[in-house]
């Protein structure tokens, strides 16, 4: 299992938890290219903001694509089942 760790604001964390947000986007920048290119992640561990002992959830990744999002390129992660909270 290869896990990508991402930190989210509360509204996005809750939308993923409630399954109203099924795709997570990241900008197509050199930072994310270095972090994502050539790697295949099976899961994403989302962390709720930066705090002491923050809530986390582990979510399955179904697919990762480069898509056009808001008139620019972005990485898109199709999210599957929530494995643990």
N, C-alpha and C. Protein backbone atom coordinates (compact mmCIF):
# COMPACT_ATOMS: atom_id res chain seq x y z
N UNK A 1 0.86 -1.17 0.00
CA UNK A 1 0.00 0.00 0.00
C UNK A 1 0.90 1.24 0.00
N UNK A 2 0.70 2.12 -0.97
CA UNK A 2 1.45 3.38 -1.06
C UNK A 2 0.48 4.51 -0.77
N UNK A 3 0.81 5.31 0.27
CA UNK A 3 -0.12 6.32 0.78
C UNK A 3 0.43 7.72 0.52
N UNK A 4 -0.43 8.59 -0.03
CA UNK A 4 -0.14 10.01 -0.20
C UNK A 4 -0.79 10.74 0.96
N UNK A 5 -0.04 11.60 1.63
CA UNK A 5 -0.56 12.37 2.76
C UNK A 5 -0.91 13.78 2.30
N UNK A 6 -2.16 14.20 2.55
CA UNK A 6 -2.62 15.54 2.17
C UNK A 6 -3.35 16.18 3.35
N UNK A 7 -3.16 17.47 3.50
CA UNK A 7 -3.82 18.25 4.55
C UNK A 7 -4.94 19.06 3.90
N UNK A 8 -6.12 19.03 4.53
CA UNK A 8 -7.28 19.73 3.98
C UNK A 8 -7.90 20.67 5.00
N UNK A 9 -8.61 21.66 4.47
CA UNK A 9 -9.46 22.50 5.32
C UNK A 9 -10.70 21.70 5.70
N UNK A 10 -11.36 22.14 6.76
CA UNK A 10 -12.52 21.41 7.29
C UNK A 10 -13.61 21.16 6.24
N UNK A 11 -13.96 22.18 5.45
CA UNK A 11 -15.09 22.00 4.52
C UNK A 11 -14.79 20.90 3.50
N UNK A 12 -13.56 20.78 3.03
CA UNK A 12 -13.22 19.75 2.06
C UNK A 12 -13.13 18.37 2.73
N UNK A 13 -12.58 18.34 3.93
CA UNK A 13 -12.49 17.10 4.70
C UNK A 13 -13.89 16.53 4.92
N UNK A 14 -14.82 17.39 5.34
CA UNK A 14 -16.19 16.95 5.61
C UNK A 14 -16.91 16.51 4.34
N UNK A 15 -16.66 17.18 3.23
CA UNK A 15 -17.30 16.79 1.96
C UNK A 15 -16.83 15.41 1.51
N UNK A 16 -15.55 15.12 1.69
CA UNK A 16 -15.05 13.79 1.35
C UNK A 16 -15.65 12.76 2.29
N UNK A 17 -15.70 13.08 3.58
CA UNK A 17 -16.28 12.18 4.57
C UNK A 17 -17.75 11.89 4.27
N UNK A 18 -18.49 12.91 3.85
CA UNK A 18 -19.92 12.76 3.54
C UNK A 18 -20.16 12.22 2.13
N UNK A 19 -19.10 11.97 1.40
CA UNK A 19 -19.13 11.42 0.04
C UNK A 19 -19.78 12.34 -0.98
N UNK A 20 -19.80 13.63 -0.70
CA UNK A 20 -20.30 14.58 -1.68
C UNK A 20 -19.16 15.09 -2.58
N UNK A 21 -17.93 14.81 -2.19
CA UNK A 21 -16.75 15.17 -2.99
C UNK A 21 -16.02 13.87 -3.31
N UNK A 22 -16.05 13.47 -4.57
CA UNK A 22 -15.49 12.18 -4.98
C UNK A 22 -14.19 12.33 -5.77
N UNK A 23 -13.76 13.57 -6.04
CA UNK A 23 -12.52 13.82 -6.78
C UNK A 23 -11.71 14.88 -6.02
N UNK A 24 -10.43 14.60 -5.82
CA UNK A 24 -9.53 15.57 -5.18
C UNK A 24 -8.56 16.09 -6.22
N UNK A 25 -8.42 17.41 -6.32
CA UNK A 25 -7.58 18.05 -7.31
C UNK A 25 -6.34 18.65 -6.67
N UNK A 26 -5.23 18.62 -7.41
CA UNK A 26 -4.01 19.31 -7.04
C UNK A 26 -3.49 20.00 -8.29
N UNK A 27 -2.99 21.23 -8.13
CA UNK A 27 -2.48 22.01 -9.26
C UNK A 27 -1.35 21.27 -9.98
N UNK A 28 -1.26 21.52 -11.26
CA UNK A 28 -0.21 20.92 -12.08
C UNK A 28 1.00 21.85 -12.03
N UNK A 29 1.69 21.85 -10.88
CA UNK A 29 2.86 22.70 -10.67
C UNK A 29 4.10 21.82 -10.52
N UNK A 30 5.26 22.45 -10.53
CA UNK A 30 6.51 21.68 -10.38
C UNK A 30 6.55 20.98 -9.02
N UNK A 31 5.99 21.60 -7.98
CA UNK A 31 5.95 20.96 -6.66
C UNK A 31 5.19 19.64 -6.72
N UNK A 32 3.98 19.68 -7.29
CA UNK A 32 3.17 18.46 -7.35
C UNK A 32 3.71 17.48 -8.38
N UNK A 33 4.33 17.95 -9.43
CA UNK A 33 4.96 17.04 -10.40
C UNK A 33 6.05 16.22 -9.70
N UNK A 34 6.91 16.88 -8.93
CA UNK A 34 7.98 16.15 -8.20
C UNK A 34 7.38 15.16 -7.21
N UNK A 35 6.30 15.53 -6.61
CA UNK A 35 5.70 14.69 -5.58
C UNK A 35 4.88 13.53 -6.14
N UNK A 36 4.34 13.70 -7.35
CA UNK A 36 3.39 12.70 -7.87
C UNK A 36 3.87 11.92 -9.08
N UNK A 37 4.66 12.53 -9.95
CA UNK A 37 5.04 11.87 -11.20
C UNK A 37 5.84 10.59 -10.95
N UNK A 38 5.51 9.55 -11.69
CA UNK A 38 6.21 8.28 -11.58
C UNK A 38 5.83 7.46 -10.37
N UNK A 39 4.85 7.91 -9.61
CA UNK A 39 4.43 7.18 -8.41
C UNK A 39 2.97 6.79 -8.55
N UNK A 40 2.65 5.63 -8.05
CA UNK A 40 1.27 5.15 -8.07
C UNK A 40 0.80 4.99 -6.63
N UNK A 41 -0.13 5.82 -6.21
CA UNK A 41 -0.65 5.78 -4.85
C UNK A 41 -1.92 4.94 -4.81
N UNK A 42 -2.00 4.07 -3.83
CA UNK A 42 -3.20 3.24 -3.67
C UNK A 42 -4.21 3.90 -2.74
N UNK A 43 -3.72 4.76 -1.83
CA UNK A 43 -4.58 5.42 -0.85
C UNK A 43 -4.11 6.85 -0.61
N UNK A 44 -5.02 7.68 -0.13
CA UNK A 44 -4.69 9.03 0.32
C UNK A 44 -5.11 9.13 1.78
N UNK A 45 -4.19 9.61 2.62
CA UNK A 45 -4.51 9.87 4.02
C UNK A 45 -4.74 11.36 4.16
N UNK A 46 -5.99 11.74 4.36
CA UNK A 46 -6.36 13.13 4.52
C UNK A 46 -6.28 13.51 6.00
N UNK A 47 -5.68 14.65 6.26
CA UNK A 47 -5.58 15.18 7.62
C UNK A 47 -6.36 16.47 7.68
N UNK A 48 -7.11 16.64 8.76
CA UNK A 48 -7.90 17.86 8.94
C UNK A 48 -7.01 18.95 9.52
N UNK A 49 -6.59 19.89 8.70
CA UNK A 49 -5.80 21.06 9.08
C UNK A 49 -4.54 20.69 9.84
N UNK A 50 -3.91 21.69 10.42
CA UNK A 50 -2.71 21.49 11.23
C UNK A 50 -3.06 21.75 12.68
N UNK A 51 -3.08 20.71 13.45
CA UNK A 51 -3.35 20.84 14.88
C UNK A 51 -2.73 19.64 15.59
N UNK A 52 -2.76 19.67 16.90
CA UNK A 52 -2.26 18.55 17.67
C UNK A 52 -3.28 17.42 17.61
N UNK A 53 -2.84 16.24 17.23
CA UNK A 53 -3.71 15.07 17.09
C UNK A 53 -4.91 15.33 16.19
N UNK A 54 -4.70 15.72 14.93
CA UNK A 54 -5.83 16.04 14.04
C UNK A 54 -6.55 14.77 13.57
N UNK A 55 -7.83 14.88 13.27
CA UNK A 55 -8.56 13.76 12.67
C UNK A 55 -7.97 13.43 11.30
N UNK A 56 -7.96 12.17 10.96
CA UNK A 56 -7.49 11.73 9.65
C UNK A 56 -8.46 10.70 9.09
N UNK A 57 -8.40 10.51 7.79
CA UNK A 57 -9.15 9.42 7.16
C UNK A 57 -8.33 8.87 6.00
N UNK A 58 -8.38 7.59 5.84
CA UNK A 58 -7.67 6.89 4.78
C UNK A 58 -8.68 6.53 3.70
N UNK A 59 -8.42 6.99 2.47
CA UNK A 59 -9.37 6.80 1.38
C UNK A 59 -8.66 6.11 0.22
N UNK A 60 -9.33 5.16 -0.37
CA UNK A 60 -8.81 4.42 -1.52
C UNK A 60 -8.77 5.33 -2.76
N UNK A 61 -7.72 5.19 -3.57
CA UNK A 61 -7.60 5.92 -4.83
C UNK A 61 -7.98 4.97 -5.96
N UNK A 62 -8.98 5.34 -6.74
CA UNK A 62 -9.40 4.50 -7.86
C UNK A 62 -8.56 4.78 -9.11
N UNK A 63 -8.26 6.06 -9.34
CA UNK A 63 -7.53 6.45 -10.55
C UNK A 63 -6.95 7.84 -10.37
N UNK A 64 -5.85 8.11 -11.09
CA UNK A 64 -5.26 9.45 -11.09
C UNK A 64 -5.07 9.87 -12.53
N UNK A 65 -5.50 11.07 -12.86
CA UNK A 65 -5.39 11.59 -14.21
C UNK A 65 -4.92 13.04 -14.16
N UNK A 66 -4.44 13.52 -15.30
CA UNK A 66 -4.19 14.94 -15.47
C UNK A 66 -5.36 15.45 -16.29
N UNK A 67 -6.08 16.43 -15.76
CA UNK A 67 -7.29 16.93 -16.40
C UNK A 67 -7.24 18.45 -16.48
N UNK A 68 -8.12 19.01 -17.30
CA UNK A 68 -8.27 20.46 -17.32
C UNK A 68 -9.29 20.82 -16.26
N UNK A 69 -8.89 21.69 -15.35
CA UNK A 69 -9.75 22.07 -14.23
C UNK A 69 -9.63 23.58 -14.04
N UNK A 70 -10.74 24.26 -14.10
CA UNK A 70 -10.77 25.73 -13.97
C UNK A 70 -9.79 26.38 -14.96
N UNK A 71 -9.88 25.99 -16.22
CA UNK A 71 -9.08 26.54 -17.32
C UNK A 71 -7.58 26.32 -17.15
N UNK A 72 -7.17 25.33 -16.40
CA UNK A 72 -5.76 25.00 -16.24
C UNK A 72 -5.65 23.50 -16.02
N UNK A 73 -4.43 22.97 -16.11
CA UNK A 73 -4.23 21.55 -15.87
C UNK A 73 -4.14 21.27 -14.38
N UNK A 74 -4.61 20.08 -13.98
CA UNK A 74 -4.56 19.68 -12.58
C UNK A 74 -4.49 18.16 -12.51
N UNK A 75 -3.97 17.67 -11.39
CA UNK A 75 -4.03 16.24 -11.10
C UNK A 75 -5.39 15.97 -10.47
N UNK A 76 -6.04 14.92 -10.91
CA UNK A 76 -7.35 14.55 -10.37
C UNK A 76 -7.27 13.13 -9.81
N UNK A 77 -7.63 12.98 -8.56
CA UNK A 77 -7.68 11.67 -7.91
C UNK A 77 -9.12 11.27 -7.74
N UNK A 78 -9.53 10.18 -8.38
CA UNK A 78 -10.87 9.63 -8.16
C UNK A 78 -10.84 8.84 -6.86
N UNK A 79 -11.71 9.24 -5.93
CA UNK A 79 -11.70 8.63 -4.61
C UNK A 79 -12.70 7.49 -4.50
N UNK A 80 -12.27 6.44 -3.83
CA UNK A 80 -13.12 5.26 -3.63
C UNK A 80 -13.68 5.25 -2.21
N UNK A 81 -13.65 4.08 -1.62
CA UNK A 81 -14.19 3.89 -0.28
C UNK A 81 -13.29 4.48 0.80
N UNK A 82 -13.91 4.91 1.88
CA UNK A 82 -13.16 5.36 3.05
C UNK A 82 -12.80 4.09 3.83
N UNK A 83 -11.50 3.87 3.99
CA UNK A 83 -11.02 2.66 4.63
C UNK A 83 -11.04 2.78 6.16
N UNK A 84 -10.58 3.93 6.67
CA UNK A 84 -10.62 4.14 8.12
C UNK A 84 -10.70 5.62 8.43
N UNK A 85 -11.26 5.93 9.58
CA UNK A 85 -11.39 7.31 10.05
C UNK A 85 -10.80 7.37 11.45
